[in-house]
Amino acid sequence: MGKSILVFSVVITFIFSIAYATPGIGTFYTSYTPSACYKNQPEGVMIAAASDTLWDNGRVCGKMFHIKCTGARNAVPHPCTGKTVTVKIVDHCPAGCASTIDLSFEAFSQIANPVAGIINIDYTP
């Protein structure tokens, strides 16, 4: 009985996480500079910068996002690894940012082939 309740809970959580995921665009950066949220304080490597769409005057700083690659945005076929990555928002992607979430190289390479450079993503806070 206990196992069936646990399995049911996991399935329901998975369904709701898929249902409430927001589509966006993911890119990556290779060199980290002082961030808009934490200045020179290091925050690890599973980090990202939020676009104007998410920035909300810095209110998104420190929030965790779960991100999954959903497909290619260019000629690189099948860039997705099938994995999901969790990142902490530590920066503001500059004006003209080509993505919704600009991931660290380490985070991007967990979910996609870096050769792709830009991918479609689903994200949930």
N, C-alpha and C. Protein backbone atom coordinates (compact mmCIF):
# COMPACT_ATOMS: atom_id res chain seq x y z
N MET A 1 0.83 -1.19 0.00
CA MET A 1 0.00 0.00 0.00
C MET A 1 0.87 1.25 0.00
N GLY A 2 1.91 1.29 0.86
CA GLY A 2 2.78 2.45 0.96
C GLY A 2 3.51 2.74 -0.34
N LYS A 3 3.96 1.67 -1.03
CA LYS A 3 4.66 1.86 -2.30
C LYS A 3 3.74 2.44 -3.36
N SER A 4 2.50 1.97 -3.40
CA SER A 4 1.57 2.48 -4.42
C SER A 4 1.25 3.94 -4.21
N ILE A 5 1.16 4.38 -2.96
CA ILE A 5 0.91 5.80 -2.68
C ILE A 5 2.11 6.63 -3.11
N LEU A 6 3.31 6.14 -2.83
CA LEU A 6 4.53 6.84 -3.23
C LEU A 6 4.61 6.95 -4.75
N VAL A 7 4.36 5.87 -5.46
CA VAL A 7 4.40 5.87 -6.92
C VAL A 7 3.35 6.84 -7.46
N PHE A 8 2.16 6.82 -6.92
CA PHE A 8 1.09 7.73 -7.34
C PHE A 8 1.50 9.18 -7.13
N SER A 9 2.12 9.49 -5.98
CA SER A 9 2.57 10.85 -5.69
C SER A 9 3.62 11.32 -6.68
N VAL A 10 4.57 10.44 -7.00
CA VAL A 10 5.62 10.79 -7.96
C VAL A 10 5.03 11.05 -9.34
N VAL A 11 4.09 10.21 -9.77
CA VAL A 11 3.45 10.37 -11.08
C VAL A 11 2.68 11.68 -11.14
N ILE A 12 1.92 12.00 -10.10
CA ILE A 12 1.14 13.25 -10.07
C ILE A 12 2.09 14.45 -10.10
N THR A 13 3.16 14.41 -9.32
CA THR A 13 4.14 15.51 -9.32
C THR A 13 4.74 15.69 -10.71
N PHE A 14 5.09 14.60 -11.36
CA PHE A 14 5.66 14.65 -12.70
C PHE A 14 4.67 15.26 -13.69
N ILE A 15 3.42 14.85 -13.63
CA ILE A 15 2.39 15.37 -14.54
C ILE A 15 2.21 16.86 -14.33
N PHE A 16 2.14 17.31 -13.08
CA PHE A 16 1.96 18.73 -12.81
C PHE A 16 3.19 19.53 -13.24
N SER A 17 4.39 18.97 -13.06
CA SER A 17 5.58 19.71 -13.48
C SER A 17 5.63 19.87 -14.99
N ILE A 18 5.16 18.88 -15.73
CA ILE A 18 5.09 18.99 -17.18
C ILE A 18 4.01 19.99 -17.58
N ALA A 19 2.87 19.93 -16.92
CA ALA A 19 1.74 20.78 -17.26
C ALA A 19 2.05 22.26 -17.01
N TYR A 20 2.87 22.56 -16.02
CA TYR A 20 3.13 23.94 -15.67
C TYR A 20 4.48 24.46 -16.15
N ALA A 21 5.19 23.70 -16.94
CA ALA A 21 6.46 24.16 -17.48
C ALA A 21 6.20 25.26 -18.50
N THR A 22 7.09 26.23 -18.53
CA THR A 22 6.97 27.36 -19.45
C THR A 22 8.01 27.19 -20.55
N PRO A 23 7.62 27.33 -21.81
CA PRO A 23 8.61 27.23 -22.89
C PRO A 23 9.47 28.48 -22.97
N GLY A 24 10.70 28.30 -23.39
CA GLY A 24 11.61 29.43 -23.54
C GLY A 24 12.78 29.05 -24.41
N ILE A 25 13.81 29.88 -24.35
CA ILE A 25 15.02 29.68 -25.14
C ILE A 25 16.20 29.65 -24.18
N GLY A 26 17.11 28.70 -24.40
CA GLY A 26 18.30 28.59 -23.57
C GLY A 26 19.57 28.80 -24.37
N THR A 27 20.51 29.52 -23.78
CA THR A 27 21.85 29.72 -24.34
C THR A 27 22.84 29.48 -23.20
N PHE A 28 24.13 29.68 -23.48
CA PHE A 28 25.12 29.56 -22.40
C PHE A 28 26.23 30.57 -22.56
N TYR A 29 26.93 30.79 -21.45
CA TYR A 29 28.10 31.65 -21.45
C TYR A 29 29.28 30.85 -20.92
N THR A 30 30.49 31.26 -21.27
CA THR A 30 31.66 30.48 -20.88
C THR A 30 32.50 31.14 -19.80
N SER A 31 32.45 32.45 -19.67
CA SER A 31 33.24 33.08 -18.60
C SER A 31 32.31 33.85 -17.67
N TYR A 32 32.50 33.63 -16.40
CA TYR A 32 31.66 34.24 -15.39
C TYR A 32 32.29 35.54 -14.91
N THR A 33 31.51 36.57 -14.87
CA THR A 33 31.96 37.87 -14.34
C THR A 33 31.08 38.20 -13.14
N PRO A 34 31.44 39.21 -12.36
CA PRO A 34 30.61 39.56 -11.21
C PRO A 34 29.13 39.70 -11.60
N SER A 35 28.28 39.16 -10.78
CA SER A 35 26.86 39.09 -11.13
C SER A 35 26.04 40.24 -10.56
N ALA A 36 24.89 40.46 -11.17
CA ALA A 36 23.96 41.50 -10.73
C ALA A 36 23.36 41.17 -9.37
N CYS A 37 23.31 39.90 -9.03
CA CYS A 37 22.69 39.48 -7.77
C CYS A 37 23.69 39.39 -6.62
N TYR A 38 24.88 38.86 -6.89
CA TYR A 38 25.80 38.53 -5.80
C TYR A 38 27.19 39.16 -5.94
N LYS A 39 27.35 40.10 -6.85
CA LYS A 39 28.63 40.78 -7.08
C LYS A 39 29.74 39.76 -7.31
N ASN A 40 30.81 39.80 -6.52
CA ASN A 40 31.96 38.90 -6.73
C ASN A 40 31.86 37.58 -5.97
N GLN A 41 30.78 37.37 -5.26
CA GLN A 41 30.62 36.15 -4.47
C GLN A 41 30.33 34.96 -5.37
N PRO A 42 31.15 33.91 -5.32
CA PRO A 42 30.91 32.73 -6.16
C PRO A 42 29.64 31.98 -5.72
N GLU A 43 28.90 31.49 -6.67
CA GLU A 43 27.66 30.77 -6.40
C GLU A 43 27.65 29.38 -7.02
N GLY A 44 28.83 28.83 -7.30
CA GLY A 44 28.93 27.51 -7.90
C GLY A 44 28.89 27.57 -9.41
N VAL A 45 28.65 26.42 -10.05
CA VAL A 45 28.64 26.37 -11.51
C VAL A 45 27.26 26.10 -12.09
N MET A 46 26.32 25.65 -11.29
CA MET A 46 24.96 25.42 -11.79
C MET A 46 24.15 26.70 -11.59
N ILE A 47 24.49 27.68 -12.43
CA ILE A 47 23.93 29.02 -12.31
C ILE A 47 23.43 29.51 -13.66
N ALA A 48 22.71 30.63 -13.63
CA ALA A 48 22.17 31.19 -14.87
C ALA A 48 21.86 32.67 -14.70
N ALA A 49 21.69 33.31 -15.85
CA ALA A 49 21.26 34.71 -15.90
C ALA A 49 19.84 34.75 -16.47
N ALA A 50 19.01 35.60 -15.89
CA ALA A 50 17.62 35.72 -16.32
C ALA A 50 17.47 36.86 -17.32
N SER A 51 16.66 36.64 -18.33
CA SER A 51 16.37 37.69 -19.31
C SER A 51 15.43 38.71 -18.70
N ASP A 52 15.20 39.79 -19.44
CA ASP A 52 14.25 40.81 -18.97
C ASP A 52 12.88 40.21 -18.66
N THR A 53 12.51 39.16 -19.40
CA THR A 53 11.22 38.50 -19.19
C THR A 53 11.07 37.99 -17.76
N LEU A 54 12.16 37.48 -17.18
CA LEU A 54 12.12 36.91 -15.83
C LEU A 54 12.69 37.81 -14.75
N TRP A 55 13.48 38.80 -15.11
CA TRP A 55 14.27 39.58 -14.16
C TRP A 55 13.44 40.23 -13.06
N ASP A 56 12.36 40.91 -13.40
CA ASP A 56 11.44 41.51 -12.42
C ASP A 56 12.18 42.35 -11.37
N ASN A 57 13.00 43.28 -11.85
CA ASN A 57 13.78 44.17 -10.99
C ASN A 57 14.62 43.43 -9.96
N GLY A 58 15.13 42.26 -10.31
CA GLY A 58 16.00 41.50 -9.43
C GLY A 58 15.29 40.56 -8.47
N ARG A 59 13.98 40.52 -8.50
CA ARG A 59 13.24 39.65 -7.58
C ARG A 59 13.52 38.16 -7.84
N VAL A 60 14.03 37.84 -9.02
CA VAL A 60 14.31 36.45 -9.37
C VAL A 60 15.68 35.99 -8.84
N CYS A 61 16.48 36.91 -8.32
CA CYS A 61 17.79 36.55 -7.77
C CYS A 61 17.65 35.46 -6.71
N GLY A 62 18.49 34.43 -6.86
CA GLY A 62 18.50 33.35 -5.89
C GLY A 62 17.47 32.26 -6.11
N LYS A 63 16.51 32.50 -7.00
CA LYS A 63 15.49 31.47 -7.25
C LYS A 63 16.10 30.33 -8.05
N MET A 64 15.58 29.14 -7.79
CA MET A 64 16.03 27.94 -8.47
C MET A 64 15.05 27.63 -9.61
N PHE A 65 15.59 27.26 -10.77
CA PHE A 65 14.78 26.88 -11.92
C PHE A 65 15.20 25.49 -12.39
N HIS A 66 14.21 24.68 -12.75
CA HIS A 66 14.44 23.37 -13.33
C HIS A 66 14.28 23.53 -14.84
N ILE A 67 15.29 23.12 -15.58
CA ILE A 67 15.32 23.37 -17.02
C ILE A 67 15.56 22.07 -17.78
N LYS A 68 14.81 21.91 -18.85
CA LYS A 68 14.94 20.73 -19.72
C LYS A 68 14.99 21.21 -21.16
N CYS A 69 15.91 20.66 -21.92
CA CYS A 69 16.00 20.93 -23.35
C CYS A 69 14.84 20.22 -24.04
N THR A 70 14.16 20.95 -24.93
CA THR A 70 13.03 20.34 -25.65
C THR A 70 13.29 20.23 -27.15
N GLY A 71 14.38 20.81 -27.65
CA GLY A 71 14.66 20.69 -29.07
C GLY A 71 15.63 21.74 -29.59
N ALA A 72 15.98 21.56 -30.84
CA ALA A 72 16.94 22.43 -31.52
C ALA A 72 16.29 23.74 -31.97
N ARG A 73 17.11 24.78 -32.03
CA ARG A 73 16.70 26.07 -32.61
C ARG A 73 17.54 26.39 -33.84
N ASN A 74 18.43 25.48 -34.20
CA ASN A 74 19.29 25.69 -35.36
C ASN A 74 19.53 24.34 -36.04
N ALA A 75 20.56 24.27 -36.86
CA ALA A 75 20.79 23.08 -37.68
C ALA A 75 21.38 21.88 -36.94
N VAL A 76 21.72 22.03 -35.67
CA VAL A 76 22.29 20.91 -34.92
C VAL A 76 21.18 19.92 -34.61
N PRO A 77 21.24 18.72 -35.17
CA PRO A 77 20.15 17.75 -34.95
C PRO A 77 20.24 17.11 -33.56
N HIS A 78 19.11 16.96 -32.93
CA HIS A 78 18.98 16.25 -31.65
C HIS A 78 19.99 16.69 -30.59
N PRO A 79 19.96 17.96 -30.19
CA PRO A 79 20.95 18.43 -29.22
C PRO A 79 20.68 17.99 -27.78
N CYS A 80 19.46 17.59 -27.46
CA CYS A 80 19.06 17.33 -26.07
C CYS A 80 19.61 16.01 -25.53
N THR A 81 19.98 16.03 -24.24
CA THR A 81 20.47 14.82 -23.58
C THR A 81 19.34 14.05 -22.91
N GLY A 82 18.20 14.69 -22.71
CA GLY A 82 17.09 14.06 -22.01
C GLY A 82 17.11 14.31 -20.51
N LYS A 83 18.15 14.98 -20.03
CA LYS A 83 18.27 15.28 -18.60
C LYS A 83 17.64 16.63 -18.27
N THR A 84 17.43 16.85 -16.99
CA THR A 84 16.96 18.13 -16.47
C THR A 84 18.05 18.67 -15.55
N VAL A 85 18.21 19.98 -15.52
CA VAL A 85 19.21 20.60 -14.65
C VAL A 85 18.50 21.64 -13.78
N THR A 86 19.00 21.80 -12.56
CA THR A 86 18.49 22.83 -11.66
C THR A 86 19.57 23.89 -11.51
N VAL A 87 19.20 25.14 -11.78
CA VAL A 87 20.16 26.25 -11.70
C VAL A 87 19.63 27.34 -10.77
N LYS A 88 20.57 28.10 -10.25
CA LYS A 88 20.25 29.25 -9.41
C LYS A 88 20.44 30.52 -10.24
N ILE A 89 19.46 31.40 -10.23
CA ILE A 89 19.59 32.66 -10.95
C ILE A 89 20.51 33.59 -10.15
N VAL A 90 21.62 34.00 -10.79
CA VAL A 90 22.60 34.85 -10.12
C VAL A 90 22.87 36.15 -10.88
N ASP A 91 22.27 36.29 -12.06
CA ASP A 91 22.62 37.44 -12.87
C ASP A 91 21.46 37.85 -13.77
N HIS A 92 21.62 39.02 -14.37
CA HIS A 92 20.67 39.56 -15.34
C HIS A 92 21.32 39.49 -16.71
N CYS A 93 20.67 38.82 -17.62
CA CYS A 93 21.17 38.72 -18.99
C CYS A 93 21.06 40.11 -19.62
N PRO A 94 22.11 40.63 -20.23
CA PRO A 94 22.09 41.99 -20.75
C PRO A 94 21.02 42.22 -21.81
N ALA A 95 20.68 43.48 -22.01
CA ALA A 95 19.70 43.85 -23.05
C ALA A 95 20.11 43.22 -24.37
N GLY A 96 19.13 42.74 -25.09
CA GLY A 96 19.40 42.08 -26.35
C GLY A 96 19.76 40.61 -26.20
N CYS A 97 19.63 40.10 -24.99
CA CYS A 97 19.91 38.68 -24.72
C CYS A 97 19.04 37.82 -25.63
N ALA A 98 19.66 36.84 -26.27
CA ALA A 98 18.94 36.00 -27.24
C ALA A 98 18.12 34.89 -26.57
N SER A 99 18.18 34.82 -25.24
CA SER A 99 17.50 33.71 -24.58
C SER A 99 16.61 34.16 -23.44
N THR A 100 15.83 33.23 -22.94
CA THR A 100 15.04 33.46 -21.74
C THR A 100 15.93 33.24 -20.52
N ILE A 101 16.74 32.17 -20.58
CA ILE A 101 17.68 31.85 -19.51
C ILE A 101 19.04 31.54 -20.14
N ASP A 102 20.06 32.29 -19.69
CA ASP A 102 21.43 32.12 -20.17
C ASP A 102 22.17 31.29 -19.13
N LEU A 103 22.42 30.04 -19.45
CA LEU A 103 22.99 29.08 -18.50
C LEU A 103 24.51 29.12 -18.48
N SER A 104 25.08 28.69 -17.36
CA SER A 104 26.52 28.47 -17.35
C SER A 104 26.81 27.33 -18.33
N PHE A 105 28.04 27.27 -18.81
CA PHE A 105 28.42 26.20 -19.72
C PHE A 105 28.17 24.83 -19.09
N GLU A 106 28.50 24.70 -17.80
CA GLU A 106 28.34 23.43 -17.10
C GLU A 106 26.87 22.99 -17.06
N ALA A 107 25.98 23.93 -16.81
CA ALA A 107 24.55 23.61 -16.75
C ALA A 107 24.01 23.26 -18.14
N PHE A 108 24.37 24.07 -19.13
CA PHE A 108 23.92 23.83 -20.50
C PHE A 108 24.35 22.44 -20.97
N SER A 109 25.63 22.08 -20.72
CA SER A 109 26.11 20.80 -21.21
C SER A 109 25.48 19.60 -20.52
N GLN A 110 24.81 19.81 -19.40
CA GLN A 110 24.07 18.72 -18.76
C GLN A 110 22.81 18.36 -19.56
N ILE A 111 22.21 19.38 -20.21
CA ILE A 111 20.93 19.15 -20.90
C ILE A 111 21.03 19.13 -22.42
N ALA A 112 22.16 19.62 -22.96
CA ALA A 112 22.28 19.70 -24.42
C ALA A 112 23.73 19.70 -24.86
N ASN A 113 23.93 19.36 -26.11
CA ASN A 113 25.24 19.43 -26.73
C ASN A 113 25.62 20.90 -26.90
N PRO A 114 26.72 21.35 -26.30
CA PRO A 114 27.11 22.76 -26.41
C PRO A 114 27.30 23.25 -27.85
N VAL A 115 27.56 22.35 -28.77
CA VAL A 115 27.71 22.74 -30.18
C VAL A 115 26.44 23.44 -30.68
N ALA A 116 25.30 23.08 -30.11
CA ALA A 116 24.03 23.68 -30.52
C ALA A 116 24.01 25.18 -30.22
N GLY A 117 24.57 25.59 -29.09
CA GLY A 117 24.64 27.01 -28.75
C GLY A 117 23.34 27.63 -28.27
N ILE A 118 22.23 27.26 -28.88
CA ILE A 118 20.91 27.80 -28.51
C ILE A 118 19.89 26.68 -28.68
N ILE A 119 19.00 26.55 -27.70
CA ILE A 119 18.04 25.45 -27.71
C ILE A 119 16.68 25.93 -27.23
N ASN A 120 15.67 25.16 -27.51
CA ASN A 120 14.35 25.36 -26.91
C ASN A 120 14.37 24.66 -25.56
N ILE A 121 13.74 25.30 -24.57
CA ILE A 121 13.70 24.72 -23.23
C ILE A 121 12.30 24.81 -22.66
N ASP A 122 12.06 24.02 -21.64
CA ASP A 122 10.93 24.18 -20.73
C ASP A 122 11.54 24.45 -19.38
N TYR A 123 10.96 25.40 -18.62
CA TYR A 123 11.49 25.69 -17.30
C TYR A 123 10.37 25.86 -16.29
N THR A 124 10.68 25.50 -15.06
CA THR A 124 9.76 25.70 -13.94
C THR A 124 10.55 26.24 -12.77
N PRO A 125 9.96 27.19 -12.07
CA PRO A 125 10.65 27.71 -10.86
C PRO A 125 10.53 26.72 -9.71
